[in-house]
Amino acid sequence: MQTFFSEITALCRNEQFLHSVMEKYHYDPEEYPNLKRLAGEMIPCLETEAGWQDREIQETFPGRDQSFFWL
């Protein structure tokens, strides 16, 4: 999993990226420690459990649970 999401986990550790997220979503500067903590907590989850939803399959086969895949 770490191989697939290494770019995302690297962003979670990147202070410049986190500051750009704060700016884009209008976080107050004093919220930075919370955002940094949350981003750090996401890393283990991304490295062990991640998935994606294929909307095309869901549209082709309505009601099918197989539209969500775990890596």
PDB file of N, CA and C in Angstrom:
ATOM      1  N   MET A   1       0.816  -1.181   0.000  1.00  0.00           N
ATOM      2  CA  MET A   1       0.000   0.000   0.000  1.00  0.00           C
ATOM      3  C   MET A   1       0.865   1.253   0.000  1.00  0.00           C
ATOM      4  N   GLN A   2       1.937   1.213   0.738  1.00  0.00           N
ATOM      5  CA  GLN A   2       2.815   2.365   0.827  1.00  0.00           C
ATOM      6  C   GLN A   2       3.335   2.771  -0.556  1.00  0.00           C
ATOM      7  N   THR A   3       3.570   1.784  -1.417  1.00  0.00           N
ATOM      8  CA  THR A   3       4.052   2.066  -2.770  1.00  0.00           C
ATOM      9  C   THR A   3       3.024   2.851  -3.565  1.00  0.00           C
ATOM     10  N   PHE A   4       1.752   2.462  -3.456  1.00  0.00           N
ATOM     11  CA  PHE A   4       0.701   3.102  -4.238  1.00  0.00           C
ATOM     12  C   PHE A   4       0.407   4.525  -3.782  1.00  0.00           C
ATOM     13  N   PHE A   5       0.515   4.782  -2.498  1.00  0.00           N
ATOM     14  CA  PHE A   5       0.112   6.068  -1.961  1.00  0.00           C
ATOM     15  C   PHE A   5       1.276   6.878  -1.418  1.00  0.00           C
ATOM     16  N   SER A   6       2.496   6.593  -1.852  1.00  0.00           N
ATOM     17  CA  SER A   6       3.661   7.298  -1.327  1.00  0.00           C
ATOM     18  C   SER A   6       3.610   8.795  -1.633  1.00  0.00           C
ATOM     19  N   GLU A   7       3.069   9.175  -2.775  1.00  0.00           N
ATOM     20  CA  GLU A   7       2.967  10.601  -3.103  1.00  0.00           C
ATOM     21  C   GLU A   7       1.994  11.301  -2.165  1.00  0.00           C
ATOM     22  N   ILE A   8       0.893  10.647  -1.853  1.00  0.00           N
ATOM     23  CA  ILE A   8      -0.094  11.243  -0.955  1.00  0.00           C
ATOM     24  C   ILE A   8       0.451  11.330   0.463  1.00  0.00           C
ATOM     25  N   THR A   9       1.089  10.272   0.927  1.00  0.00           N
ATOM     26  CA  THR A   9       1.640  10.311   2.285  1.00  0.00           C
ATOM     27  C   THR A   9       2.766  11.334   2.379  1.00  0.00           C
ATOM     28  N   ALA A  10       3.512  11.530   1.298  1.00  0.00           N
ATOM     29  CA  ALA A  10       4.552  12.566   1.298  1.00  0.00           C
ATOM     30  C   ALA A  10       3.917  13.949   1.443  1.00  0.00           C
ATOM     31  N   LEU A  11       2.792  14.161   0.792  1.00  0.00           N
ATOM     32  CA  LEU A  11       2.102  15.441   0.924  1.00  0.00           C
ATOM     33  C   LEU A  11       1.619  15.671   2.350  1.00  0.00           C
ATOM     34  N   CYS A  12       1.182  14.611   3.012  1.00  0.00           N
ATOM     35  CA  CYS A  12       0.718  14.734   4.396  1.00  0.00           C
ATOM     36  C   CYS A  12       1.845  15.185   5.322  1.00  0.00           C
ATOM     37  N   ARG A  13       3.076  14.951   4.913  1.00  0.00           N
ATOM     38  CA  ARG A  13       4.241  15.342   5.718  1.00  0.00           C
ATOM     39  C   ARG A  13       4.827  16.696   5.278  1.00  0.00           C
ATOM     40  N   ASN A  14       4.328  17.261   4.185  1.00  0.00           N
ATOM     41  CA  ASN A  14       4.904  18.457   3.583  1.00  0.00           C
ATOM     42  C   ASN A  14       4.238  19.720   4.141  1.00  0.00           C
ATOM     43  N   GLU A  15       5.006  20.527   4.875  1.00  0.00           N
ATOM     44  CA  GLU A  15       4.452  21.727   5.505  1.00  0.00           C
ATOM     45  C   GLU A  15       3.926  22.733   4.487  1.00  0.00           C
ATOM     46  N   GLN A  16       4.617  22.880   3.370  1.00  0.00           N
ATOM     47  CA  GLN A  16       4.166  23.827   2.339  1.00  0.00           C
ATOM     48  C   GLN A  16       2.803  23.397   1.787  1.00  0.00           C
ATOM     49  N   PHE A  17       2.636  22.093   1.559  1.00  0.00           N
ATOM     50  CA  PHE A  17       1.350  21.594   1.072  1.00  0.00           C
ATOM     51  C   PHE A  17       0.254  21.849   2.093  1.00  0.00           C
ATOM     52  N   LEU A  18       0.545  21.557   3.370  1.00  0.00           N
ATOM     53  CA  LEU A  18      -0.461  21.768   4.417  1.00  0.00           C
ATOM     54  C   LEU A  18      -0.849  23.237   4.518  1.00  0.00           C
ATOM     55  N   HIS A  19       0.117  24.135   4.364  1.00  0.00           N
ATOM     56  CA  HIS A  19      -0.208  25.562   4.386  1.00  0.00           C
ATOM     57  C   HIS A  19      -1.052  25.946   3.173  1.00  0.00           C
ATOM     58  N   SER A  20      -0.807  25.331   2.018  1.00  0.00           N
ATOM     59  CA  SER A  20      -1.635  25.630   0.844  1.00  0.00           C
ATOM     60  C   SER A  20      -3.062  25.112   1.038  1.00  0.00           C
ATOM     61  N   VAL A  21      -3.210  23.984   1.728  1.00  0.00           N
ATOM     62  CA  VAL A  21      -4.549  23.473   2.053  1.00  0.00           C
ATOM     63  C   VAL A  21      -5.262  24.461   2.968  1.00  0.00           C
ATOM     64  N   MET A  22      -4.534  24.965   3.960  1.00  0.00           N
ATOM     65  CA  MET A  22      -5.128  25.932   4.881  1.00  0.00           C
ATOM     66  C   MET A  22      -5.600  27.182   4.138  1.00  0.00           C
ATOM     67  N   GLU A  23      -4.776  27.646   3.208  1.00  0.00           N
ATOM     68  CA  GLU A  23      -5.132  28.844   2.451  1.00  0.00           C
ATOM     69  C   GLU A  23      -6.335  28.579   1.547  1.00  0.00           C
ATOM     70  N   LYS A  24      -6.304  27.455   0.847  1.00  0.00           N
ATOM     71  CA  LYS A  24      -7.388  27.135  -0.085  1.00  0.00           C
ATOM     72  C   LYS A  24      -8.730  27.000   0.622  1.00  0.00           C
ATOM     73  N   TYR A  25      -8.732  26.355   1.789  1.00  0.00           N
ATOM     74  CA  TYR A  25      -9.986  26.090   2.495  1.00  0.00           C
ATOM     75  C   TYR A  25     -10.224  27.046   3.654  1.00  0.00           C
ATOM     76  N   HIS A  26      -9.471  28.140   3.687  1.00  0.00           N
ATOM     77  CA  HIS A  26      -9.694  29.248   4.621  1.00  0.00           C
ATOM     78  C   HIS A  26      -9.598  28.837   6.098  1.00  0.00           C
ATOM     79  N   TYR A  27      -8.606  28.018   6.408  1.00  0.00           N
ATOM     80  CA  TYR A  27      -8.332  27.683   7.801  1.00  0.00           C
ATOM     81  C   TYR A  27      -7.681  28.891   8.475  1.00  0.00           C
ATOM     82  N   ASP A  28      -7.947  29.077   9.749  1.00  0.00           N
ATOM     83  CA  ASP A  28      -7.240  30.083  10.528  1.00  0.00           C
ATOM     84  C   ASP A  28      -5.835  29.570  10.814  1.00  0.00           C
ATOM     85  N   PRO A  29      -4.841  30.454  10.839  1.00  0.00           N
ATOM     86  CA  PRO A  29      -3.456  30.021  11.071  1.00  0.00           C
ATOM     87  C   PRO A  29      -3.272  29.206  12.354  1.00  0.00           C
ATOM     88  N   GLU A  30      -4.046  29.507  13.381  1.00  0.00           N
ATOM     89  CA  GLU A  30      -3.897  28.763  14.631  1.00  0.00           C
ATOM     90  C   GLU A  30      -4.387  27.311  14.524  1.00  0.00           C
ATOM     91  N   GLU A  31      -5.044  26.966  13.423  1.00  0.00           N
ATOM     92  CA  GLU A  31      -5.496  25.593  13.203  1.00  0.00           C
ATOM     93  C   GLU A  31      -4.405  24.697  12.622  1.00  0.00           C
ATOM     94  N   TYR A  32      -3.250  25.268  12.262  1.00  0.00           N
ATOM     95  CA  TYR A  32      -2.183  24.476  11.642  1.00  0.00           C
ATOM     96  C   TYR A  32      -1.781  23.258  12.475  1.00  0.00           C
ATOM     97  N   PRO A  33      -1.568  23.385  13.787  1.00  0.00           N
ATOM     98  CA  PRO A  33      -1.190  22.183  14.549  1.00  0.00           C
ATOM     99  C   PRO A  33      -2.221  21.053  14.439  1.00  0.00           C
ATOM    100  N   ASN A  34      -3.502  21.411  14.421  1.00  0.00           N
ATOM    101  CA  ASN A  34      -4.549  20.392  14.289  1.00  0.00           C
ATOM    102  C   ASN A  34      -4.526  19.733  12.911  1.00  0.00           C
ATOM    103  N   LEU A  35      -4.336  20.544  11.871  1.00  0.00           N
ATOM    104  CA  LEU A  35      -4.270  19.994  10.519  1.00  0.00           C
ATOM    105  C   LEU A  35      -3.053  19.088  10.369  1.00  0.00           C
ATOM    106  N   LYS A  36      -1.926  19.514  10.904  1.00  0.00           N
ATOM    107  CA  LYS A  36      -0.707  18.711  10.831  1.00  0.00           C
ATOM    108  C   LYS A  36      -0.879  17.389  11.583  1.00  0.00           C
ATOM    109  N   ARG A  37      -1.515  17.439  12.751  1.00  0.00           N
ATOM    110  CA  ARG A  37      -1.774  16.223  13.527  1.00  0.00           C
ATOM    111  C   ARG A  37      -2.697  15.282  12.753  1.00  0.00           C
ATOM    112  N   LEU A  38      -3.765  15.827  12.200  1.00  0.00           N
ATOM    113  CA  LEU A  38      -4.712  15.017  11.431  1.00  0.00           C
ATOM    114  C   LEU A  38      -4.049  14.389  10.217  1.00  0.00           C
ATOM    115  N   ALA A  39      -3.252  15.168   9.492  1.00  0.00           N
ATOM    116  CA  ALA A  39      -2.540  14.636   8.327  1.00  0.00           C
ATOM    117  C   ALA A  39      -1.614  13.500   8.750  1.00  0.00           C
ATOM    118  N   GLY A  40      -0.938  13.662   9.882  1.00  0.00           N
ATOM    119  CA  GLY A  40      -0.068  12.604  10.389  1.00  0.00           C
ATOM    120  C   GLY A  40      -0.836  11.350  10.781  1.00  0.00           C
ATOM    121  N   GLU A  41      -2.030  11.523  11.311  1.00  0.00           N
ATOM    122  CA  GLU A  41      -2.862  10.372  11.685  1.00  0.00           C
ATOM    123  C   GLU A  41      -3.385   9.631  10.457  1.00  0.00           C
ATOM    124  N   MET A  42      -3.501  10.327   9.337  1.00  0.00           N
ATOM    125  CA  MET A  42      -3.997   9.696   8.113  1.00  0.00           C
ATOM    126  C   MET A  42      -2.958   8.775   7.477  1.00  0.00           C
ATOM    127  N   ILE A  43      -1.683   9.068   7.680  1.00  0.00           N
ATOM    128  CA  ILE A  43      -0.625   8.321   7.005  1.00  0.00           C
ATOM    129  C   ILE A  43      -0.705   6.816   7.270  1.00  0.00           C
ATOM    130  N   PRO A  44      -0.795   6.350   8.518  1.00  0.00           N
ATOM    131  CA  PRO A  44      -0.876   4.906   8.731  1.00  0.00           C
ATOM    132  C   PRO A  44      -2.101   4.275   8.057  1.00  0.00           C
ATOM    133  N   CYS A  45      -3.208   5.003   8.028  1.00  0.00           N
ATOM    134  CA  CYS A  45      -4.413   4.479   7.369  1.00  0.00           C
ATOM    135  C   CYS A  45      -4.202   4.346   5.869  1.00  0.00           C
ATOM    136  N   LEU A  46      -3.567   5.343   5.270  1.00  0.00           N
ATOM    137  CA  LEU A  46      -3.310   5.290   3.831  1.00  0.00           C
ATOM    138  C   LEU A  46      -2.316   4.187   3.480  1.00  0.00           C
ATOM    139  N   GLU A  47      -1.415   3.896   4.397  1.00  0.00           N
ATOM    140  CA  GLU A  47      -0.416   2.870   4.127  1.00  0.00           C
ATOM    141  C   GLU A  47      -0.959   1.456   4.318  1.00  0.00           C
ATOM    142  N   THR A  48      -2.039   1.320   5.072  1.00  0.00           N
ATOM    143  CA  THR A  48      -2.567  -0.024   5.329  1.00  0.00           C
ATOM    144  C   THR A  48      -3.929  -0.280   4.705  1.00  0.00           C
ATOM    145  N   GLU A  49      -4.789   0.739   4.661  1.00  0.00           N
ATOM    146  CA  GLU A  49      -6.134   0.554   4.121  1.00  0.00           C
ATOM    147  C   GLU A  49      -6.452   1.716   3.204  1.00  0.00           C
ATOM    148  N   ALA A  50      -6.646   1.420   1.958  1.00  0.00           N
ATOM    149  CA  ALA A  50      -7.043   2.453   1.005  1.00  0.00           C
ATOM    150  C   ALA A  50      -7.847   1.801  -0.106  1.00  0.00           C
ATOM    151  N   GLY A  51      -8.641   2.574  -0.750  1.00  0.00           N
ATOM    152  CA  GLY A  51      -9.448   2.027  -1.835  1.00  0.00           C
ATOM    153  C   GLY A  51      -9.970   3.141  -2.715  1.00  0.00           C
ATOM    154  N   TRP A  52     -10.701   2.776  -3.703  1.00  0.00           N
ATOM    155  CA  TRP A  52     -11.309   3.755  -4.579  1.00  0.00           C
ATOM    156  C   TRP A  52     -12.630   3.208  -5.062  1.00  0.00           C
ATOM    157  N   GLN A  53     -13.484   4.099  -5.513  1.00  0.00           N
ATOM    158  CA  GLN A  53     -14.795   3.723  -6.011  1.00  0.00           C
ATOM    159  C   GLN A  53     -14.817   3.929  -7.514  1.00  0.00           C
ATOM    160  N   ASP A  54     -15.259   2.918  -8.232  1.00  0.00           N
ATOM    161  CA  ASP A  54     -15.362   2.997  -9.682  1.00  0.00           C
ATOM    162  C   ASP A  54     -16.813   3.321 -10.024  1.00  0.00           C
ATOM    163  N   ARG A  55     -17.076   4.579 -10.326  1.00  0.00           N
ATOM    164  CA  ARG A  55     -18.450   5.013 -10.593  1.00  0.00           C
ATOM    165  C   ARG A  55     -18.997   4.424 -11.881  1.00  0.00           C
ATOM    166  N   GLU A  56     -18.134   4.144 -12.849  1.00  0.00           N
ATOM    167  CA  GLU A  56     -18.603   3.560 -14.102  1.00  0.00           C
ATOM    168  C   GLU A  56     -19.205   2.187 -13.858  1.00  0.00           C
ATOM    169  N   ILE A  57     -18.563   1.381 -13.010  1.00  0.00           N
ATOM    170  CA  ILE A  57     -19.122   0.066 -12.701  1.00  0.00           C
ATOM    171  C   ILE A  57     -20.452   0.225 -11.988  1.00  0.00           C
ATOM    172  N   GLN A  58     -20.511   1.171 -11.062  1.00  0.00           N
ATOM    173  CA  GLN A  58     -21.746   1.387 -10.317  1.00  0.00           C
ATOM    174  C   GLN A  58     -22.871   1.817 -11.252  1.00  0.00           C
ATOM    175  N   GLU A  59     -22.570   2.652 -12.251  1.00  0.00           N
ATOM    176  CA  GLU A  59     -23.588   3.085 -13.198  1.00  0.00           C
ATOM    177  C   GLU A  59     -23.986   1.961 -14.141  1.00  0.00           C
ATOM    178  N   THR A  60     -23.031   1.092 -14.486  1.00  0.00           N
ATOM    179  CA  THR A  60     -23.312  -0.012 -15.395  1.00  0.00           C
ATOM    180  C   THR A  60     -24.105  -1.117 -14.700  1.00  0.00           C
ATOM    181  N   PHE A  61     -23.779  -1.352 -13.424  1.00  0.00           N
ATOM    182  CA  PHE A  61     -24.440  -2.392 -12.652  1.00  0.00           C
ATOM    183  C   PHE A  61     -25.052  -1.783 -11.395  1.00  0.00           C
ATOM    184  N   PRO A  62     -26.171  -1.072 -11.523  1.00  0.00           N
ATOM    185  CA  PRO A  62     -26.765  -0.411 -10.355  1.00  0.00           C
ATOM    186  C   PRO A  62     -27.014  -1.403  -9.211  1.00  0.00           C
ATOM    187  N   GLY A  63     -26.732  -0.941  -8.005  1.00  0.00           N
ATOM    188  CA  GLY A  63     -26.977  -1.759  -6.828  1.00  0.00           C
ATOM    189  C   GLY A  63     -25.884  -2.758  -6.501  1.00  0.00           C
ATOM    190  N   ARG A  64     -24.820  -2.818  -7.288  1.00  0.00           N
ATOM    191  CA  ARG A  64     -23.744  -3.778  -7.036  1.00  0.00           C
ATOM    192  C   ARG A  64     -22.793  -3.228  -5.988  1.00  0.00           C
ATOM    193  N   ASP A  65     -22.467  -4.041  -4.994  1.00  0.00           N
ATOM    194  CA  ASP A  65     -21.529  -3.630  -3.950  1.00  0.00           C
ATOM    195  C   ASP A  65     -20.090  -3.684  -4.441  1.00  0.00           C
ATOM    196  N   GLN A  66     -19.827  -4.305  -5.550  1.00  0.00           N
ATOM    197  CA  GLN A  66     -18.461  -4.479  -6.052  1.00  0.00           C
ATOM    198  C   GLN A  66     -17.894  -3.198  -6.657  1.00  0.00           C
ATOM    199  N   SER A  67     -18.581  -2.072  -6.523  1.00  0.00           N
ATOM    200  CA  SER A  67     -18.047  -0.845  -7.108  1.00  0.00           C
ATOM    201  C   SER A  67     -16.957  -0.228  -6.230  1.00  0.00           C
ATOM    202  N   PHE A  68     -16.696  -0.819  -5.062  1.00  0.00           N
ATOM    203  CA  PHE A  68     -15.652  -0.295  -4.180  1.00  0.00           C
ATOM    204  C   PHE A  68     -14.578  -1.338  -4.022  1.00  0.00           C
ATOM    205  N   PHE A  69     -13.342  -0.953  -4.247  1.00  0.00           N
ATOM    206  CA  PHE A  69     -12.228  -1.891  -4.223  1.00  0.00           C
ATOM    207  C   PHE A  69     -11.232  -1.500  -3.142  1.00  0.00           C
ATOM    208  N   TRP A  70     -10.780  -2.467  -2.376  1.00  0.00           N
ATOM    209  CA  TRP A  70      -9.717  -2.243  -1.396  1.00  0.00           C
ATOM    210  C   TRP A  70      -8.420  -2.700  -1.999  1.00  0.00           C
ATOM    211  N   LEU A  71      -7.365  -1.966  -1.756  1.00  0.00           N
ATOM    212  CA  LEU A  71      -6.035  -2.345  -2.226  1.00  0.00           C
ATOM    213  C   LEU A  71      -5.347  -3.206  -1.203  1.00  0.00           C
TER     214      LEU A  71
END
